[in-house]
Amino acid sequence: MRLWAWLLKARAVKDYVRLFPTALARRYGFQDCYSVEQVLATIVAENGNLEFAEYACALFANEAPFAAWVLSEYQRPRVVSKRNRRQSGLQQLLAQQTAPSVNQAQSLYRALRAEVAEVYNGGRMNFIPPAPQSSGSGVEPLRSTPYGRGSGFGWYK
């Protein structure tokens, strides 16, 4: 992969890991996983990079819907632009002469998640944070900030 393509991928995946859990929760509420359609709609709504959508779908959807999406993508006509000649992950699988199998789609799912977990998430495979717990009194607990508890301004104590 050329340097520019690698930089575009790194930026897109970093956005998926850092920004999209809250964007998905804001749009669809806190869930254990999201559908592929919800993930793709969120990428479009947040002006994300659709070129690497397979990473976002692998991070936030379950394995079976991801595999079904990969198999449905094989049936679609593909247009390869001169600018986009990358051949990684989903593109390699879709470039085969024969239709990909469910096992190939599932191994792609696991490989994409493992790659992102290793590089961007400290080896953790859970990319969706848990829903915030309320104390039951109707008052949200004071959230911790990077500067400790309180207002979030490090200079104001």
Protein backbone atom coordinates (compact mmCIF):
# COMPACT_ATOMS: atom_id res chain seq x y z
CA MET A 1 0.00 0.00 0.00
CA ARG A 2 1.35 3.37 -0.95
CA LEU A 3 2.10 5.97 1.72
CA TRP A 4 -0.86 8.23 0.89
CA ALA A 5 -3.30 5.31 0.93
CA TRP A 6 -1.82 4.13 4.23
CA LEU A 7 -2.29 7.60 5.74
CA LEU A 8 -5.90 7.78 4.54
CA LYS A 9 -6.60 4.36 6.04
CA ALA A 10 -4.91 5.24 9.34
CA ARG A 11 -6.93 8.44 9.63
CA ALA A 12 -10.22 6.72 8.77
CA VAL A 13 -9.69 3.86 11.22
CA LYS A 14 -8.60 6.26 13.97
CA ASP A 15 -11.84 8.21 13.42
CA TYR A 16 -13.86 4.99 13.52
CA VAL A 17 -12.30 3.97 16.84
CA ARG A 18 -12.40 7.36 18.56
CA LEU A 19 -15.46 9.16 17.19
CA PHE A 20 -17.91 6.56 15.98
CA PRO A 21 -18.83 4.82 19.27
CA THR A 22 -20.33 8.08 20.54
CA ALA A 23 -21.81 8.95 17.15
CA LEU A 24 -23.54 5.56 16.94
CA ALA A 25 -24.80 5.85 20.51
CA ARG A 26 -26.08 9.37 19.82
CA ARG A 27 -27.96 8.23 16.72
CA TYR A 28 -29.22 4.80 17.81
CA GLY A 29 -28.77 4.63 21.58
CA PHE A 30 -26.33 2.43 23.48
CA GLN A 31 -26.28 -1.11 22.09
CA ASP A 32 -23.98 -4.11 22.29
CA CYS A 33 -23.61 -4.01 18.51
CA TYR A 34 -25.11 -2.14 15.58
CA SER A 35 -26.33 -3.29 12.19
CA VAL A 36 -24.16 -2.82 9.13
CA GLU A 37 -26.75 -0.41 7.74
CA GLN A 38 -26.59 1.71 10.91
CA VAL A 39 -22.80 1.83 10.74
CA LEU A 40 -22.81 2.83 7.06
CA ALA A 41 -25.49 5.48 7.65
CA THR A 42 -23.43 6.91 10.52
CA ILE A 43 -20.31 7.08 8.33
CA VAL A 44 -22.26 9.08 5.77
CA ALA A 45 -23.91 11.31 8.40
CA GLU A 46 -20.59 12.05 10.12
CA ASN A 47 -18.80 12.70 6.80
CA GLY A 48 -16.55 9.71 7.42
CA ASN A 49 -14.43 7.93 4.85
CA LEU A 50 -16.52 5.25 3.12
CA GLU A 51 -13.45 3.87 1.37
CA PHE A 52 -12.56 1.89 4.50
CA ALA A 53 -16.11 1.11 5.63
CA GLU A 54 -15.28 -2.57 6.09
CA TYR A 55 -13.24 -1.62 9.15
CA ALA A 56 -16.12 0.29 10.76
CA CYS A 57 -18.56 -2.51 9.96
CA ALA A 58 -16.22 -5.09 11.47
CA LEU A 59 -15.74 -3.00 14.61
CA PHE A 60 -19.36 -2.24 15.40
CA ALA A 61 -21.44 -5.05 13.84
CA ASN A 62 -21.65 -8.74 14.72
CA GLU A 63 -19.84 -11.37 12.68
CA ALA A 64 -22.90 -12.91 10.97
CA PRO A 65 -24.34 -9.61 9.63
CA PHE A 66 -20.85 -8.55 8.54
CA ALA A 67 -20.40 -11.81 6.60
CA ALA A 68 -23.82 -11.39 4.98
CA TRP A 69 -22.90 -7.83 3.99
CA VAL A 70 -19.60 -9.00 2.45
CA LEU A 71 -21.40 -11.67 0.45
CA SER A 72 -23.97 -9.11 -0.74
CA GLU A 73 -21.19 -6.71 -1.73
CA TYR A 74 -19.78 -9.39 -4.04
CA GLN A 75 -23.04 -9.37 -5.99
CA ARG A 76 -22.86 -5.60 -6.62
CA PRO A 77 -21.11 -4.21 -9.68
CA ARG A 78 -17.77 -2.72 -8.69
CA VAL A 79 -16.17 0.38 -10.11
CA VAL A 80 -12.47 0.82 -9.52
CA SER A 81 -11.32 4.39 -9.95
CA LYS A 82 -7.79 5.29 -11.00
CA ARG A 83 -7.31 7.03 -7.63
CA ASN A 84 -8.40 4.03 -5.58
CA ARG A 85 -6.30 1.01 -6.49
CA ARG A 86 -5.79 -0.36 -3.00
CA GLN A 87 -6.16 -4.09 -2.65
CA SER A 88 -6.64 -4.95 0.99
CA GLY A 89 -9.22 -6.80 3.03
CA LEU A 90 -12.61 -6.57 1.42
CA GLN A 91 -11.27 -5.47 -1.97
CA GLN A 92 -9.04 -8.56 -2.26
CA LEU A 93 -11.89 -10.82 -1.26
CA LEU A 94 -14.23 -9.20 -3.79
CA ALA A 95 -11.62 -9.32 -6.57
CA GLN A 96 -11.68 -13.13 -6.65
CA GLN A 97 -13.21 -14.86 -9.63
CA THR A 98 -15.43 -17.02 -7.45
CA ALA A 99 -17.83 -15.78 -4.82
CA PRO A 100 -16.28 -15.59 -1.35
CA SER A 101 -17.41 -18.15 1.19
CA VAL A 102 -18.92 -17.43 4.58
CA ASN A 103 -15.70 -18.71 6.19
CA GLN A 104 -13.63 -16.21 4.19
CA ALA A 105 -15.93 -13.36 5.21
CA GLN A 106 -15.76 -14.43 8.86
CA SER A 107 -11.97 -14.66 8.79
CA LEU A 108 -11.87 -11.18 7.20
CA TYR A 109 -14.05 -9.94 10.10
CA ARG A 110 -11.69 -11.41 12.68
CA ALA A 111 -8.57 -10.14 10.85
CA LEU A 112 -9.87 -6.58 10.59
CA ARG A 113 -10.86 -6.51 14.27
CA ALA A 114 -7.50 -7.95 15.33
CA GLU A 115 -5.58 -5.40 13.23
CA VAL A 116 -7.47 -2.46 14.71
CA ALA A 117 -7.32 -3.84 18.25
CA GLU A 118 -3.56 -4.24 18.05
CA VAL A 119 -2.79 -0.83 16.57
CA TYR A 120 -5.49 1.48 17.92
CA ASN A 121 -7.16 -0.11 20.94
CA GLY A 122 -4.37 -1.53 23.08
CA GLY A 123 -5.17 -5.12 22.07
CA ARG A 124 -8.75 -4.92 23.35
CA MET A 125 -11.38 -6.35 21.01
CA ASN A 126 -14.28 -4.41 22.55
CA PHE A 127 -14.78 -1.21 20.58
CA ILE A 128 -18.16 -0.18 22.01
CA PRO A 129 -18.03 1.36 25.48
CA PRO A 130 -20.66 0.24 27.99
CA ALA A 131 -23.75 2.36 28.53
CA PRO A 132 -23.39 4.86 31.37
CA GLN A 133 -24.96 3.70 34.62
CA SER A 134 -27.11 6.11 36.58
CA SER A 135 -27.39 5.92 40.34
CA GLY A 136 -31.18 5.69 40.21
CA SER A 137 -31.69 9.06 41.89
CA GLY A 138 -32.14 10.80 38.56
CA VAL A 139 -28.86 12.71 38.98
CA GLU A 140 -26.00 11.77 36.71
CA PRO A 141 -22.75 10.95 38.53
CA LEU A 142 -19.92 13.45 38.23
CA ARG A 143 -17.82 12.26 35.34
CA SER A 144 -14.08 12.13 35.45
CA THR A 145 -12.21 14.39 33.04
CA PRO A 146 -8.62 14.17 31.80
CA TYR A 147 -7.73 16.69 34.50
CA GLY A 148 -9.39 14.77 37.35
CA ARG A 149 -12.86 15.29 38.73
CA GLY A 150 -14.63 18.57 38.30
CA SER A 151 -15.07 21.15 35.62
CA GLY A 152 -12.57 19.86 33.10
CA PHE A 153 -10.36 22.94 33.33
CA GLY A 154 -6.97 21.99 34.72
CA TRP A 155 -6.10 25.53 35.71
CA TYR A 156 -9.32 26.06 37.72
CA LYS A 157 -9.37 24.19 41.02
